[in-house]
Amino acid sequence: MSLLLHILQPAIFPPAFASNAFPLNGPFAFFIRIVRLFYSLLVLPLAIISAFLPTSVTGMNHASWNFAQTLLLRLSSQLLWAIGYGIPPRFVNRDRPTIPTRPRSVVIPNTTDISSCSMTVPPSNSRYRKGILADEELTTPTEIKCYWTSAGKCSDEQLTRQPQEGEKIIVYLVGGERAAVFQDPLLTLVPGGYLTGEPLKFPLPWTLAQKTNLRVMSVSYRKANTDPSNAFPAALHDVVSAWSHLISVGFHAENIFISGDSAGAGLAVTFALYLCLCHLPRPAGLILYSPWLDLTLSHPAVSDNHRHDQLTSDLIQTGARVYTQNFPLVYTDPAMLDAYRFNDAEYLLSTHSFDKLGPRHPLLSPALLSARSPLIPSLSETRFFISYGSVERFAGEIEMFVTILKNGGVEVVIDVEEGGWHNSTADAIGGKQVAVERAAQKVFEFVCPETQSSTV
């Protein structure tokens, strides 16, 4: 991490060495946010000046960025550091049963209108609840809100109709969203980190619907907070409920694609691995944007790329801590870790395995999988599309996961934005329209390969 970043975001509000001892909400957390906000105002001139300076001086900028991109990243990162400590009240219970105005950063040109509606999905069928999801002492399935999105003018009945024979569908799991901190179009992202995220407040489901001409069902899964019943495995319960509903109304697993960005993309991988452990039919493919794949935050890139990304350490540390609060990180004997993580598929489904492994569990941190894991061959039925930025904080773990998949014979399509930050290929903020369009075109080819072959 660069010296300049240490000055802009010092680890003294509160002291980093004792951060786990302080509450994440309440008066103390509010006080920390106020102190950080005032400090950020004091160093704001330095943050602006740094955008003019070369990378060799600041150690933070990237050669591929223009001035506007550099300034936007500096200001958005500083703002998230100031107001994002702990779990701010605006991060809690923010899901609304409403359809927002279409985000203006959907960049696919000459598009048709977009239609959306909401619906309530019942809890999953018991046949889908095995192992940890059968443990009702942790959390229970509940009704969830989902949003249907489709290109063109459609009625609610058309959006939620029964599937036609062979019809494909995309399920979307949100990772972050838009927050109107600045006036549109200079909006900033609120990365979700399993703590927040309203599905249609982020442009990705709209882009997917426009580009693929498929229906997209966005799942408003439960977000983690200080209530343990909303921590993992609550989100997995909700995705399983959405999947169970689609199967019950006539969709076939081989026609369902699971998509997500950031934490939502990590949840998509968790869900796919869960289906593998349960020996249930797997989805046709996963569409992952900047997936968060290691909740232990152990890869060096998490620290090294802090200077190039808007993701703050507070956000990802708090997200991992709160999401896995039912299974905290504890010391694990390496021999036991090797035996359980790599070789015993049945054991991995049990609550006891999560107690023993905590965030190291492969369902929570799939980047820590090994080629020896029995989970890898079981993923061979599912294709992967993974898009990410080369300098984002999750780049290292994403590359590790890609290597694991390829070595295991899993088909993987990669899209890398050179100099791209977190979610830079999912959202056009910062002038990344070309990157978003390129990734969307690759998603279309990934989801509809028959269309490509018919035009050759």
Protein backbone atom coordinates (compact mmCIF):
# COMPACT_ATOMS: atom_id res chain seq x y z
CA MET A 1 0.00 0.00 0.00
CA SER A 2 1.34 3.45 -0.89
CA LEU A 3 2.36 6.08 1.65
CA LEU A 4 -0.21 8.48 0.20
CA LEU A 5 -3.01 5.99 0.85
CA HIS A 6 -1.84 5.63 4.46
CA ILE A 7 -2.21 9.40 4.80
CA LEU A 8 -5.63 9.57 3.11
CA GLN A 9 -7.07 6.57 4.95
CA PRO A 10 -5.08 6.09 8.18
CA ALA A 11 -5.69 2.98 10.25
CA ILE A 12 -6.29 4.94 13.46
CA PHE A 13 -10.04 5.67 13.31
CA PRO A 14 -10.32 3.21 15.11
CA PRO A 15 -6.91 1.52 15.54
CA ALA A 16 -6.63 -1.38 13.10
CA PHE A 17 -5.05 -3.74 15.62
CA ALA A 18 -8.19 -3.57 17.80
CA SER A 19 -10.85 -3.14 15.12
CA ASN A 20 -12.67 -6.38 15.97
CA ALA A 21 -13.21 -5.20 19.53
CA PHE A 22 -15.34 -2.20 18.53
CA PRO A 23 -19.08 -2.27 17.74
CA LEU A 24 -20.16 -2.03 14.11
CA ASN A 25 -23.22 0.11 14.81
CA GLY A 26 -24.58 2.41 17.48
CA PRO A 27 -23.13 5.67 18.88
CA PHE A 28 -19.47 4.60 18.65
CA ALA A 29 -19.72 3.65 14.98
CA PHE A 30 -21.57 6.90 14.26
CA PHE A 31 -18.81 8.85 16.02
CA ILE A 32 -16.13 7.10 13.92
CA ARG A 33 -17.98 7.99 10.71
CA ILE A 34 -18.21 11.64 11.76
CA VAL A 35 -14.49 11.77 12.61
CA ARG A 36 -13.59 10.15 9.30
CA LEU A 37 -15.82 12.51 7.36
CA PHE A 38 -14.17 15.57 8.90
CA TYR A 39 -10.72 14.08 8.32
CA SER A 40 -11.61 13.36 4.68
CA LEU A 41 -12.62 17.00 4.21
CA LEU A 42 -9.23 18.04 5.57
CA VAL A 43 -7.29 15.81 3.18
CA LEU A 44 -9.63 16.38 0.22
CA PRO A 45 -7.20 18.83 -1.48
CA LEU A 46 -4.47 16.19 -1.25
CA ALA A 47 -6.77 13.57 -2.79
CA ILE A 48 -7.57 15.92 -5.68
CA ILE A 49 -3.93 16.91 -6.21
CA SER A 50 -2.93 13.23 -6.29
CA ALA A 51 -5.12 12.75 -9.36
CA PHE A 52 -2.82 15.11 -11.29
CA LEU A 53 0.39 13.32 -10.28
CA PRO A 54 1.98 10.36 -12.10
CA THR A 55 1.86 6.85 -10.70
CA SER A 56 5.59 6.93 -9.97
CA VAL A 57 4.92 9.70 -7.44
CA THR A 58 1.65 8.59 -5.83
CA GLY A 59 1.97 4.82 -6.14
CA MET A 60 -1.83 4.80 -6.54
CA ASN A 61 -2.87 5.79 -10.05
CA HIS A 62 -2.75 3.51 -13.09
CA ALA A 63 -1.16 4.24 -16.45
CA SER A 64 -4.35 3.35 -18.35
CA TRP A 65 -6.57 5.78 -16.41
CA ASN A 66 -7.41 9.28 -17.60
CA PHE A 67 -7.71 12.19 -15.19
CA ALA A 68 -11.49 11.84 -14.72
CA GLN A 69 -11.18 8.15 -13.89
CA THR A 70 -8.34 8.78 -11.46
CA LEU A 71 -10.25 11.55 -9.69
CA LEU A 72 -13.45 9.49 -9.52
CA LEU A 73 -11.64 6.51 -7.98
CA ARG A 74 -9.87 8.71 -5.42
CA LEU A 75 -13.05 10.51 -4.35
CA SER A 76 -15.30 7.43 -4.28
CA SER A 77 -12.74 5.44 -2.29
CA GLN A 78 -12.34 8.29 0.18
CA LEU A 79 -16.09 8.70 0.55
CA LEU A 80 -16.60 4.98 1.17
CA TRP A 81 -13.83 5.03 3.76
CA ALA A 82 -15.48 7.99 5.52
CA ILE A 83 -19.08 6.80 5.68
CA GLY A 84 -18.71 3.04 5.30
CA TYR A 85 -17.36 2.12 8.72
CA GLY A 86 -19.30 -0.66 10.44
CA ILE A 87 -22.90 -1.14 9.33
CA PRO A 88 -24.41 2.32 8.68
CA PRO A 89 -28.19 2.47 9.23
CA ARG A 90 -28.76 3.08 5.52
CA PHE A 91 -27.14 -0.31 4.85
CA VAL A 92 -29.80 -2.18 6.84
CA ASN A 93 -33.22 -3.35 5.60
CA ARG A 94 -32.97 -1.39 2.38
CA ASP A 95 -34.78 -3.78 0.06
CA ARG A 96 -37.98 -2.23 -1.25
CA PRO A 97 -40.80 -3.94 -3.14
CA THR A 98 -40.64 -1.27 -5.84
CA ILE A 99 -39.33 -1.03 -9.37
CA PRO A 100 -36.85 1.87 -9.75
CA THR A 101 -36.30 3.94 -12.85
CA ARG A 102 -33.95 2.25 -15.29
CA PRO A 103 -30.34 3.13 -14.41
CA ARG A 104 -28.85 5.59 -16.88
CA SER A 105 -25.57 3.72 -17.14
CA VAL A 106 -27.05 0.89 -19.21
CA VAL A 107 -24.78 1.44 -22.17
CA ILE A 108 -26.04 -0.93 -24.86
CA PRO A 109 -26.97 1.51 -27.68
CA ASN A 110 -30.28 1.56 -29.57
CA THR A 111 -32.05 -0.58 -27.02
CA THR A 112 -35.75 -1.21 -26.64
CA ASP A 113 -37.79 -0.42 -23.58
CA ILE A 114 -37.35 -2.50 -20.46
CA SER A 115 -40.20 -3.96 -18.42
CA SER A 116 -40.05 -5.11 -14.81
CA CYS A 117 -42.34 -6.41 -12.11
CA SER A 118 -41.96 -7.93 -8.67
CA MET A 119 -43.25 -11.19 -7.27
CA THR A 120 -43.02 -13.17 -4.04
CA VAL A 121 -41.40 -16.60 -4.17
CA PRO A 122 -42.31 -19.23 -1.54
CA PRO A 123 -39.70 -21.06 0.55
CA SER A 124 -37.86 -23.90 -1.14
CA ASN A 125 -39.12 -27.45 -1.30
CA SER A 126 -37.63 -29.61 1.46
CA ARG A 127 -35.87 -31.83 -1.09
CA TYR A 128 -33.51 -28.92 -1.76
CA ARG A 129 -32.63 -28.39 1.90
CA LYS A 130 -29.83 -30.69 2.94
CA GLY A 131 -26.96 -30.55 5.39
CA ILE A 132 -26.51 -27.01 6.67
CA LEU A 133 -29.80 -25.85 5.08
CA ALA A 134 -31.66 -28.51 7.04
CA ASP A 135 -30.32 -27.07 10.31
CA GLU A 136 -33.22 -24.85 11.44
CA GLU A 137 -31.32 -23.70 14.53
CA LEU A 138 -29.23 -21.47 12.25
CA THR A 139 -31.87 -19.99 9.98
CA THR A 140 -35.02 -21.01 8.17
CA PRO A 141 -36.30 -20.52 4.62
CA THR A 142 -38.72 -17.68 4.09
CA GLU A 143 -40.64 -15.95 1.33
CA ILE A 144 -38.41 -13.74 -0.80
CA LYS A 145 -38.98 -10.88 -3.18
CA CYS A 146 -37.84 -11.37 -6.78
CA TYR A 147 -37.93 -9.03 -9.76
CA TRP A 148 -38.57 -10.02 -13.35
CA THR A 149 -36.93 -7.97 -16.09
CA SER A 150 -37.26 -8.30 -19.86
CA ALA A 151 -36.52 -6.28 -22.98
CA GLY A 152 -39.52 -4.65 -24.64
CA LYS A 153 -42.95 -3.69 -23.41
CA CYS A 154 -44.41 -6.57 -21.40
CA SER A 155 -47.29 -6.92 -18.99
CA ASP A 156 -46.74 -8.44 -15.56
CA GLU A 157 -48.48 -11.60 -16.78
CA GLN A 158 -46.09 -11.88 -19.73
CA LEU A 159 -43.07 -11.33 -17.49
CA THR A 160 -44.05 -14.06 -15.03
CA ARG A 161 -45.54 -16.52 -17.56
CA GLN A 162 -44.74 -20.23 -17.69
CA PRO A 163 -41.61 -21.05 -19.71
CA GLN A 164 -41.80 -22.11 -23.31
CA GLU A 165 -40.10 -25.34 -24.36
CA GLY A 166 -36.32 -24.90 -24.14
CA GLU A 167 -36.57 -21.31 -22.90
CA LYS A 168 -33.47 -19.98 -21.16
CA ILE A 169 -33.46 -17.64 -18.17
CA ILE A 170 -30.87 -15.70 -16.18
CA VAL A 171 -31.03 -15.47 -12.38
CA TYR A 172 -29.24 -12.39 -11.03
CA LEU A 173 -27.74 -11.98 -7.54
CA VAL A 174 -26.84 -8.40 -6.70
CA GLY A 175 -23.49 -7.50 -5.17
CA GLY A 176 -23.55 -3.68 -5.11
CA GLU A 177 -25.82 -0.83 -6.07
CA ARG A 178 -25.99 2.83 -6.98
CA ALA A 179 -26.08 5.50 -4.30
CA ALA A 180 -26.96 9.06 -5.25
CA VAL A 181 -24.01 10.58 -3.43
CA PHE A 182 -23.24 12.77 -6.40
CA GLN A 183 -25.69 14.05 -8.97
CA ASP A 184 -26.29 11.69 -11.87
CA PRO A 185 -24.37 10.79 -13.99
CA LEU A 186 -21.51 11.18 -11.49
CA LEU A 187 -22.85 8.51 -9.19
CA THR A 188 -20.76 6.33 -6.97
CA LEU A 189 -21.14 2.66 -6.19
CA VAL A 190 -22.02 1.25 -2.80
CA PRO A 191 -20.35 -2.16 -2.92
CA GLY A 192 -22.66 -4.63 -1.22
CA GLY A 193 -20.29 -6.99 0.56
CA TYR A 194 -23.30 -9.16 1.60
CA LEU A 195 -24.53 -6.16 3.65
CA THR A 196 -26.65 -4.24 1.15
CA GLY A 197 -27.86 -4.25 -2.43
CA GLU A 198 -31.21 -3.77 -4.13
CA PRO A 199 -31.26 -5.88 -7.32
CA LEU A 200 -32.56 -3.29 -9.77
CA LYS A 201 -30.56 -0.37 -8.35
CA PHE A 202 -27.54 -1.79 -10.22
CA PRO A 203 -27.53 -1.73 -14.04
CA LEU A 204 -26.31 -5.28 -14.66
CA PRO A 205 -29.70 -7.09 -14.78
CA TRP A 206 -30.99 -4.45 -17.19
CA THR A 207 -27.91 -4.87 -19.38
CA LEU A 208 -28.22 -8.66 -19.36
CA ALA A 209 -31.91 -8.49 -20.32
CA GLN A 210 -31.20 -6.07 -23.15
CA LYS A 211 -28.21 -7.88 -24.59
CA THR A 212 -29.43 -11.49 -24.37
CA ASN A 213 -33.16 -10.84 -24.94
CA LEU A 214 -33.84 -13.31 -22.12
CA ARG A 215 -35.93 -12.84 -19.02
CA VAL A 216 -33.87 -12.04 -15.93
CA MET A 217 -35.09 -12.88 -12.43
CA SER A 218 -33.25 -10.85 -9.78
CA VAL A 219 -33.29 -12.35 -6.29
CA SER A 220 -33.53 -10.02 -3.29
CA TYR A 221 -31.74 -12.38 -0.93
CA ARG A 222 -31.38 -11.59 2.77
CA LYS A 223 -28.48 -9.26 3.60
CA ALA A 224 -26.31 -9.88 6.63
CA ASN A 225 -26.53 -7.61 9.67
CA THR A 226 -26.06 -8.01 13.41
CA ASP A 227 -28.90 -10.57 13.53
CA PRO A 228 -27.28 -14.03 13.15
CA SER A 229 -30.40 -15.36 11.43
CA ASN A 230 -29.65 -13.06 8.47
CA ALA A 231 -26.03 -14.20 8.17
CA PHE A 232 -24.90 -17.22 6.16
CA PRO A 233 -26.62 -19.53 5.27
CA ALA A 234 -29.69 -17.24 4.98
CA ALA A 235 -28.65 -15.91 1.55
CA LEU A 236 -28.03 -19.44 0.28
CA HIS A 237 -31.50 -20.43 1.54
CA ASP A 238 -33.02 -17.63 -0.56
CA VAL A 239 -31.17 -18.55 -3.76
CA VAL A 240 -32.23 -22.17 -3.30
CA SER A 241 -35.84 -20.96 -2.91
CA ALA A 242 -35.61 -19.01 -6.18
CA TRP A 243 -34.11 -22.05 -7.93
CA SER A 244 -36.79 -24.34 -6.48
CA HIS A 245 -39.48 -22.00 -7.78
CA LEU A 246 -38.07 -21.91 -11.31
CA ILE A 247 -37.84 -25.69 -11.45
CA SER A 248 -41.40 -26.03 -10.10
CA VAL A 249 -42.87 -23.79 -12.82
CA GLY A 250 -41.20 -25.73 -15.62
CA PHE A 251 -37.70 -24.36 -16.24
CA HIS A 252 -35.00 -26.98 -16.73
CA ALA A 253 -31.67 -26.72 -14.91
CA GLU A 254 -29.75 -26.91 -18.20
CA ASN A 255 -31.51 -23.71 -19.34
CA ILE A 256 -30.86 -21.64 -16.21
CA PHE A 257 -27.86 -19.31 -15.91
CA ILE A 258 -26.87 -17.87 -12.53
CA SER A 259 -25.29 -14.41 -12.66
CA GLY A 260 -23.98 -11.99 -10.09
CA ASP A 261 -21.45 -9.31 -9.33
CA SER A 262 -19.04 -9.01 -6.40
CA ALA A 263 -20.57 -10.70 -3.33
CA GLY A 264 -23.52 -11.81 -5.46
CA ALA A 265 -21.11 -13.58 -7.82
CA GLY A 266 -19.46 -15.28 -4.85
CA LEU A 267 -22.90 -16.41 -3.69
CA ALA A 268 -23.57 -17.81 -7.17
CA VAL A 269 -20.47 -20.02 -6.86
CA THR A 270 -21.52 -21.05 -3.34
CA PHE A 271 -24.90 -22.08 -4.73
CA ALA A 272 -23.36 -24.09 -7.58
CA LEU A 273 -21.07 -25.93 -5.15
CA TYR A 274 -24.03 -26.60 -2.85
CA LEU A 275 -25.91 -28.24 -5.73
CA CYS A 276 -22.83 -30.37 -6.42
CA LEU A 277 -22.68 -31.55 -2.81
CA CYS A 278 -26.40 -32.36 -2.88
CA HIS A 279 -26.07 -34.25 -6.19
CA LEU A 280 -28.77 -32.05 -7.70
CA PRO A 281 -28.89 -30.85 -11.34
CA ARG A 282 -26.55 -27.92 -11.93
CA PRO A 283 -27.18 -24.71 -13.88
CA ALA A 284 -26.06 -24.35 -17.48
CA GLY A 285 -23.56 -21.67 -16.58
CA LEU A 286 -22.40 -19.03 -14.15
CA ILE A 287 -21.96 -15.41 -15.26
CA LEU A 288 -19.64 -13.78 -12.74
CA TYR A 289 -18.52 -10.16 -12.57
CA SER A 290 -15.67 -9.39 -10.14
CA PRO A 291 -16.59 -12.35 -7.91
CA TRP A 292 -15.59 -12.30 -4.23
CA LEU A 293 -14.15 -15.78 -3.76
CA ASP A 294 -12.05 -15.68 -0.59
CA LEU A 295 -13.69 -14.46 2.61
CA THR A 296 -10.44 -15.00 4.54
CA LEU A 297 -8.95 -12.06 2.56
CA SER A 298 -5.69 -14.00 2.42
CA HIS A 299 -4.49 -13.27 -1.13
CA PRO A 300 -1.74 -10.59 -1.35
CA ALA A 301 -3.67 -8.74 -4.08
CA VAL A 302 -6.32 -7.75 -1.53
CA SER A 303 -3.70 -5.53 0.09
CA ASP A 304 -1.49 -4.75 -2.92
CA ASN A 305 -4.36 -3.50 -5.13
CA HIS A 306 -5.97 -1.34 -2.45
CA ARG A 307 -4.31 1.70 -4.03
CA HIS A 308 -6.02 0.97 -7.39
CA ASP A 309 -9.53 0.11 -6.21
CA GLN A 310 -12.48 1.89 -4.63
CA LEU A 311 -13.14 -1.05 -2.29
CA THR A 312 -12.07 -0.13 1.23
CA SER A 313 -10.60 -2.54 3.77
CA ASP A 314 -13.39 -1.68 6.22
CA LEU A 315 -16.08 -2.71 3.77
CA ILE A 316 -14.68 -6.11 2.84
CA GLN A 317 -13.53 -6.93 6.38
CA THR A 318 -16.91 -6.00 7.84
CA GLY A 319 -18.76 -7.84 5.08
CA ALA A 320 -16.78 -11.03 5.64
CA ARG A 321 -17.05 -10.75 9.43
CA VAL A 322 -20.81 -10.14 9.53
CA TYR A 323 -21.72 -12.59 6.76
CA THR A 324 -19.80 -15.44 8.46
CA GLN A 325 -20.63 -14.49 12.07
CA ASN A 326 -22.21 -17.91 12.65
CA PHE A 327 -18.89 -19.52 11.68
CA PRO A 328 -16.03 -17.23 12.78
CA LEU A 329 -12.47 -17.68 11.57
CA VAL A 330 -10.64 -19.94 14.01
CA TYR A 331 -7.34 -21.77 13.96
CA THR A 332 -7.65 -25.02 12.04
CA ASP A 333 -5.14 -27.83 12.17
CA PRO A 334 -3.59 -28.08 8.66
CA ALA A 335 -4.03 -31.86 8.54
CA MET A 336 -7.75 -31.57 9.34
CA LEU A 337 -8.13 -28.70 6.89
CA ASP A 338 -6.59 -30.81 4.14
CA ALA A 339 -8.79 -33.81 4.88
CA TYR A 340 -12.07 -31.93 5.15
CA ARG A 341 -11.59 -29.22 2.57
CA PHE A 342 -10.29 -31.41 -0.21
CA ASN A 343 -11.49 -34.96 0.19
CA ASP A 344 -14.74 -35.44 2.12
CA ALA A 345 -17.62 -34.15 0.01
CA GLU A 346 -20.36 -35.49 2.29
CA TYR A 347 -18.79 -33.91 5.36
CA LEU A 348 -18.55 -30.52 3.64
CA LEU A 349 -22.35 -30.29 3.53
CA SER A 350 -22.71 -30.55 7.31
CA THR A 351 -22.98 -27.70 9.79
CA HIS A 352 -20.06 -29.23 11.68
CA SER A 353 -17.72 -28.66 8.73
CA PHE A 354 -18.58 -24.95 8.73
CA ASP A 355 -17.96 -24.83 12.49
CA LYS A 356 -14.52 -26.34 11.96
CA LEU A 357 -13.46 -24.47 8.83
CA GLY A 358 -15.25 -21.13 9.23
CA PRO A 359 -14.63 -18.77 6.27
CA ARG A 360 -12.05 -21.24 4.95
CA HIS A 361 -14.89 -23.58 3.97
CA PRO A 362 -14.87 -24.02 0.16
CA LEU A 363 -18.51 -22.96 -0.10
CA LEU A 364 -17.55 -19.63 1.48
CA SER A 365 -14.08 -19.27 -0.08
CA PRO A 366 -14.03 -21.31 -3.31
CA ALA A 367 -10.71 -19.73 -4.32
CA LEU A 368 -9.14 -21.91 -1.61
CA LEU A 369 -10.23 -25.09 -3.34
CA SER A 370 -7.56 -27.52 -4.49
CA ALA A 371 -7.39 -29.51 -7.69
CA ARG A 372 -7.71 -32.56 -5.43
CA SER A 373 -11.17 -31.51 -4.29
CA PRO A 374 -14.02 -33.79 -5.40
CA LEU A 375 -16.03 -30.64 -6.04
CA ILE A 376 -14.02 -29.69 -9.14
CA PRO A 377 -15.04 -32.64 -11.37
CA SER A 378 -18.67 -32.14 -10.36
CA LEU A 379 -18.51 -28.59 -11.76
CA SER A 380 -17.62 -29.86 -15.24
CA GLU A 381 -21.29 -29.75 -16.31
CA THR A 382 -21.39 -26.01 -15.66
CA ARG A 383 -19.66 -23.44 -17.86
CA PHE A 384 -18.17 -20.29 -16.35
CA PHE A 385 -17.96 -16.72 -17.66
CA ILE A 386 -15.78 -14.55 -15.43
CA SER A 387 -15.17 -10.83 -16.01
CA TYR A 388 -12.98 -8.66 -13.77
CA GLY A 389 -10.53 -5.78 -13.62
CA SER A 390 -6.80 -6.49 -13.68
CA VAL A 391 -6.03 -4.20 -10.72
CA GLU A 392 -9.06 -4.81 -8.50
CA ARG A 393 -8.55 -6.18 -5.00
CA PHE A 394 -10.16 -9.51 -5.86
CA ALA A 395 -8.04 -10.07 -9.00
CA GLY A 396 -5.61 -12.46 -7.30
CA GLU A 397 -8.24 -14.81 -5.91
CA ILE A 398 -10.19 -14.71 -9.17
CA GLU A 399 -7.09 -15.78 -11.10
CA MET A 400 -6.48 -18.57 -8.55
CA PHE A 401 -10.04 -19.82 -9.02
CA VAL A 402 -9.77 -19.68 -12.82
CA THR A 403 -6.60 -21.79 -12.67
CA ILE A 404 -8.32 -24.32 -10.39
CA LEU A 405 -11.27 -24.62 -12.79
CA LYS A 406 -9.15 -24.94 -15.92
CA ASN A 407 -6.86 -27.54 -14.33
CA GLY A 408 -9.98 -29.49 -13.39
CA GLY A 409 -11.28 -29.50 -16.97
CA VAL A 410 -14.04 -26.94 -16.42
CA GLU A 411 -14.88 -24.67 -19.36
CA VAL A 412 -14.09 -21.04 -18.49
CA VAL A 413 -14.51 -17.90 -20.60
CA ILE A 414 -12.46 -14.98 -19.28
CA ASP A 415 -12.89 -11.25 -19.83
CA VAL A 416 -10.23 -9.03 -18.25
CA GLU A 417 -10.25 -5.22 -18.32
CA GLU A 418 -6.66 -3.99 -18.21
CA GLY A 419 -6.42 -1.34 -15.52
CA GLY A 420 -9.99 -2.11 -14.48
CA TRP A 421 -11.16 -1.70 -10.91
CA HIS A 422 -13.84 -3.68 -9.07
CA ASN A 423 -17.00 -4.13 -11.20
CA SER A 424 -15.53 -1.95 -13.96
CA THR A 425 -16.95 -4.31 -16.61
CA ALA A 426 -20.40 -4.39 -14.99
CA ASP A 427 -21.02 -0.65 -14.66
CA ALA A 428 -20.11 2.18 -17.02
CA ILE A 429 -19.21 4.63 -14.25
CA GLY A 430 -15.78 6.12 -14.86
CA GLY A 431 -15.95 5.95 -18.65
CA LYS A 432 -15.87 2.15 -18.95
CA GLN A 433 -18.65 1.96 -21.56
CA VAL A 434 -16.45 0.04 -23.99
CA ALA A 435 -15.54 -2.51 -21.31
CA VAL A 436 -19.19 -3.00 -20.34
CA GLU A 437 -20.27 -3.44 -23.96
CA ARG A 438 -17.44 -5.90 -24.64
CA ALA A 439 -18.31 -7.99 -21.58
CA ALA A 440 -22.03 -7.92 -22.44
CA GLN A 441 -21.30 -9.15 -25.97
CA LYS A 442 -19.25 -12.02 -24.54
CA VAL A 443 -22.11 -12.87 -22.19
CA PHE A 444 -24.48 -13.01 -25.17
CA GLU A 445 -22.11 -15.39 -26.99
CA PHE A 446 -21.74 -17.43 -23.80
CA VAL A 447 -25.49 -17.77 -23.19
CA CYS A 448 -26.56 -18.13 -26.82
CA PRO A 449 -23.75 -20.01 -28.62
CA GLU A 450 -26.26 -21.47 -31.07
CA THR A 451 -26.95 -17.95 -32.38
CA GLN A 452 -23.26 -17.48 -33.11
CA SER A 453 -22.88 -20.84 -34.86
CA SER A 454 -25.95 -20.19 -37.04
CA THR A 455 -24.47 -16.94 -38.35
CA VAL A 456 -21.10 -18.45 -39.30
